[in-house]
Protein backbone atom coordinates (compact mmCIF):
# COMPACT_ATOMS: atom_id res chain seq x y z
CA UNK A 1 29.99 31.13 -1.42
CA UNK A 2 30.57 34.68 -2.88
CA UNK A 3 28.41 36.11 -5.12
CA UNK A 4 25.81 33.26 -4.69
CA UNK A 5 22.11 35.13 -4.79
CA UNK A 6 20.02 32.04 -3.18
CA UNK A 7 16.24 32.99 -3.63
CA UNK A 8 13.61 31.30 -1.72
CA UNK A 9 12.68 27.98 -2.39
CA UNK A 10 16.30 27.38 -4.21
CA UNK A 11 18.76 25.06 -3.23
CA UNK A 12 22.34 25.60 -4.24
CA UNK A 13 23.95 22.92 -6.13
CA UNK A 14 26.98 24.35 -7.55
CA UNK A 15 28.37 27.69 -6.09
CA UNK A 16 30.73 29.74 -8.30
CA UNK A 17 34.09 28.06 -7.42
CA UNK A 18 32.60 24.44 -7.45
CA UNK A 19 31.12 25.11 -10.91
CA UNK A 20 34.57 26.48 -11.88
CA UNK A 21 36.18 23.35 -10.62
CA UNK A 22 33.63 21.23 -12.36
CA UNK A 23 34.26 23.10 -15.52
CA UNK A 24 37.94 22.13 -15.48
CA UNK A 25 37.19 18.92 -14.56
CA UNK A 26 35.05 18.41 -18.07
CA UNK A 27 37.93 19.74 -19.90
CA UNK A 28 40.13 17.43 -18.53
CA UNK A 29 37.83 14.88 -19.40
CA UNK A 30 37.43 15.96 -22.63
CA UNK A 31 41.32 16.23 -23.23
CA UNK A 32 41.29 12.54 -21.96
CA UNK A 33 39.33 11.23 -24.85
CA UNK A 34 40.57 13.55 -27.48
CA UNK A 35 44.41 14.63 -26.73
CA UNK A 36 45.20 16.52 -29.68
CA UNK A 37 41.70 17.88 -29.68
CA UNK A 38 41.92 17.39 -33.98
CA UNK A 39 38.78 17.80 -35.61
CA UNK A 40 36.75 18.75 -32.40
CA UNK A 41 34.02 21.39 -32.33
CA UNK A 42 32.41 22.78 -29.43
CA UNK A 43 29.04 23.60 -30.28
CA UNK A 44 27.04 25.36 -27.51
CA UNK A 45 23.47 25.41 -27.06
CA UNK A 46 21.91 28.81 -26.84
CA UNK A 47 21.52 30.46 -24.47
CA UNK A 48 23.88 29.04 -21.40
CA UNK A 49 25.47 26.11 -23.41
CA UNK A 50 27.49 28.76 -25.22
CA UNK A 51 28.93 30.60 -22.41
CA UNK A 52 30.10 26.83 -21.03
CA UNK A 53 31.44 25.79 -24.25
CA UNK A 54 33.80 29.18 -24.44
CA UNK A 55 34.34 28.37 -20.72
CA UNK A 56 35.85 24.65 -21.53
CA UNK A 57 37.70 26.13 -24.48
CA UNK A 58 39.38 28.51 -22.02
CA UNK A 59 40.20 25.44 -19.66
CA UNK A 60 41.57 23.41 -22.54
CA UNK A 61 44.00 25.86 -23.54
CA UNK A 62 44.77 26.30 -19.92
CA UNK A 63 45.69 22.74 -19.70
CA UNK A 64 48.27 23.14 -23.09
CA UNK A 65 45.95 22.82 -25.97
CA UNK A 66 47.73 25.53 -27.96
CA UNK A 67 44.63 27.04 -29.93
CA UNK A 68 41.82 24.94 -28.19
CA UNK A 69 39.14 23.88 -30.44
CA UNK A 70 36.70 26.37 -32.11
CA UNK A 71 33.51 27.20 -30.42
CA UNK A 72 30.31 27.70 -32.30
CA UNK A 73 26.67 28.61 -31.34
CA UNK A 74 24.02 25.95 -31.86
CA UNK A 75 20.58 27.68 -32.31
CA UNK A 76 17.81 24.75 -32.01
CA UNK A 77 14.96 27.09 -32.06
CA UNK A 78 13.59 25.35 -35.59
CA UNK A 79 14.20 22.29 -34.48
CA UNK A 80 12.27 21.62 -31.13
CA UNK A 81 9.15 19.71 -31.35
CA UNK A 82 7.08 21.51 -28.75
CA UNK A 83 6.50 24.19 -31.66
CA UNK A 84 5.28 24.29 -35.20
CA UNK A 85 8.33 23.73 -37.51
CA UNK A 86 9.26 25.95 -40.54
CA UNK A 87 9.13 24.16 -43.90
CA UNK A 88 12.60 25.10 -44.46
CA UNK A 89 14.64 25.88 -41.35
CA UNK A 90 16.57 29.15 -41.06
CA UNK A 91 20.48 29.19 -42.36
CA UNK A 92 22.85 29.46 -39.65
CA UNK A 93 21.75 27.33 -37.19
CA UNK A 94 25.55 26.73 -36.53
CA UNK A 95 27.63 29.79 -36.16
CA UNK A 96 31.42 30.38 -34.73
CA UNK A 97 30.81 32.62 -31.51
CA UNK A 98 33.69 35.10 -32.54
CA UNK A 99 31.66 35.57 -36.24
CA UNK A 100 34.43 33.78 -38.48
CA UNK A 101 33.25 30.89 -40.88
CA UNK A 102 31.76 27.65 -39.44
CA UNK A 103 34.53 24.92 -40.05
CA UNK A 104 33.05 21.88 -41.97
CA UNK A 105 31.11 19.22 -39.28
CA UNK A 106 31.76 16.75 -41.88
CA UNK A 107 34.29 14.20 -40.05
CA UNK A 108 34.42 16.24 -37.01
CA UNK A 109 33.67 15.11 -33.33
CA UNK A 110 31.30 17.61 -32.25
CA UNK A 111 30.78 18.05 -28.79
CA UNK A 112 27.25 19.58 -28.02
CA UNK A 113 27.68 21.81 -24.73
CA UNK A 114 24.32 22.59 -22.85
CA UNK A 115 23.55 23.58 -19.33
CA UNK A 116 20.94 20.99 -18.18
CA UNK A 117 19.89 17.69 -19.49
CA UNK A 118 16.45 16.57 -18.91
CA UNK A 119 13.67 14.81 -21.13
CA UNK A 120 16.54 14.72 -24.26
CA UNK A 121 14.32 16.66 -26.43
CA UNK A 122 16.63 19.42 -26.50
CA UNK A 123 19.61 17.23 -27.45
CA UNK A 124 17.47 15.55 -30.02
CA UNK A 125 16.77 18.94 -31.92
CA UNK A 126 20.78 19.80 -31.66
CA UNK A 127 21.23 16.55 -33.50
CA UNK A 128 18.65 17.47 -36.11
CA UNK A 129 20.37 20.74 -36.50
CA UNK A 130 23.70 19.34 -36.89
CA UNK A 131 22.48 17.02 -39.41
CA UNK A 132 21.36 19.61 -41.48
CA UNK A 133 24.56 21.33 -41.79
CA UNK A 134 26.80 18.29 -42.21
CA UNK A 135 27.44 14.78 -41.34
CA UNK A 136 29.86 14.85 -38.20
CA UNK A 137 32.18 11.60 -37.10
CA UNK A 138 30.99 11.81 -33.66
CA UNK A 139 28.37 13.67 -31.76
CA UNK A 140 29.14 13.69 -28.04
CA UNK A 141 27.00 15.36 -25.25
CA UNK A 142 28.83 17.63 -22.19
CA UNK A 143 26.32 18.80 -19.69
CA UNK A 144 27.05 20.96 -16.77
CA UNK A 145 23.89 19.20 -14.68
CA UNK A 146 21.94 15.76 -15.72
CA UNK A 147 18.74 15.76 -13.62
CA UNK A 148 17.37 12.48 -15.00
CA UNK A 149 13.76 11.85 -16.54
CA UNK A 150 14.86 11.13 -20.16
CA UNK A 151 12.13 10.67 -22.71
CA UNK A 152 14.20 10.05 -25.55
CA UNK A 153 17.39 7.06 -25.40
CA UNK A 154 20.38 9.58 -24.63
CA UNK A 155 23.00 9.51 -22.56
CA UNK A 156 25.62 12.37 -21.96
CA UNK A 157 29.28 11.86 -22.78
CA UNK A 158 30.41 14.17 -19.96
CA UNK A 159 28.36 15.28 -16.94
CA UNK A 160 29.29 18.00 -14.69
CA UNK A 161 26.82 16.61 -11.81
CA UNK A 162 24.04 14.22 -11.39
CA UNK A 163 21.47 15.91 -9.54
CA UNK A 164 18.49 12.94 -8.99
CA UNK A 165 15.04 15.37 -9.10
CA UNK A 166 11.13 14.93 -8.52
CA UNK A 167 8.83 15.91 -11.27
CA UNK A 168 7.97 19.04 -9.67
CA UNK A 169 11.65 20.26 -9.32
CA UNK A 170 13.52 22.31 -11.74
CA UNK A 171 17.45 23.17 -12.05
CA UNK A 172 18.43 26.29 -12.86
CA UNK A 173 21.82 27.33 -14.03
CA UNK A 174 23.19 31.05 -13.79
CA UNK A 175 26.47 32.29 -15.29
CA UNK A 176 28.26 35.26 -15.26
CA UNK A 177 28.02 36.14 -19.08
CA UNK A 178 24.00 35.81 -19.33
CA UNK A 179 22.73 36.19 -15.39
CA UNK A 180 25.71 38.21 -13.60
CA UNK A 181 26.47 35.47 -11.12
CA UNK A 182 27.55 31.93 -11.63
CA UNK A 183 25.73 28.66 -9.81
CA UNK A 184 23.29 26.02 -10.08
CA UNK A 185 20.22 25.88 -8.14
CA UNK A 186 17.30 23.43 -7.45
CA UNK A 187 14.14 24.57 -7.47
CA UNK A 188 10.74 23.65 -6.24
CA UNK A 189 7.73 24.42 -8.69
CA UNK A 190 4.94 26.39 -6.55
C-alpha cells in the first residue's frame, strides 16, 4: 500500500493498486455494453468524477478503443436541491475537459461518472443538468463506491465497490489529480 495515508479513524477500502484495478474493470464493463463506443460521452461530476472519467477514457484507449469517448465536466451546483436554485442556470453546466466544443448530448449514451453514490440527490441534479443541455438516448451511472442509503429510486449501471455503511459513516475518495494520493476510505463521523 505505498503512498496510502490512512488517517486516524479511517479504514482503507481501496488502496492505489486496487483503485487502479477497479478503474480497469469498470472500463471493461463499459466496453462490454458499448463495444464500439459509438455516441458515448463520459460526463464526470465535479470534482472527483472528472479525473475518474478521464481515467476510464484512458483505460478504454488501453483496451483498444482508438480515441476513447469524449470526457466532459458536469457542473451540478445550480441543480442541487440543498441550496437555492438560480432563476436561470449558468451556461456551461457541461464542458469538455480538454476545452473543445461539447458534442451534442442529443441521442448520446451519456455515462455520468462520480466517486461516491449515497442518497442519489447528486445524480438527480446531474440528470437535471443534462436535460437542460439536450436529450440523451440514455443516461447511465458509473460510480467508484456505492455506499447505499438511497433517498431516490436510482441504481448505478457500473459500480466499482459496494460498501454498506452506517448512518454515522462517510466514504472519502482521494485521487492523485485532486488530493495527491489515490484511495478510498471509510470514515466514522465524530
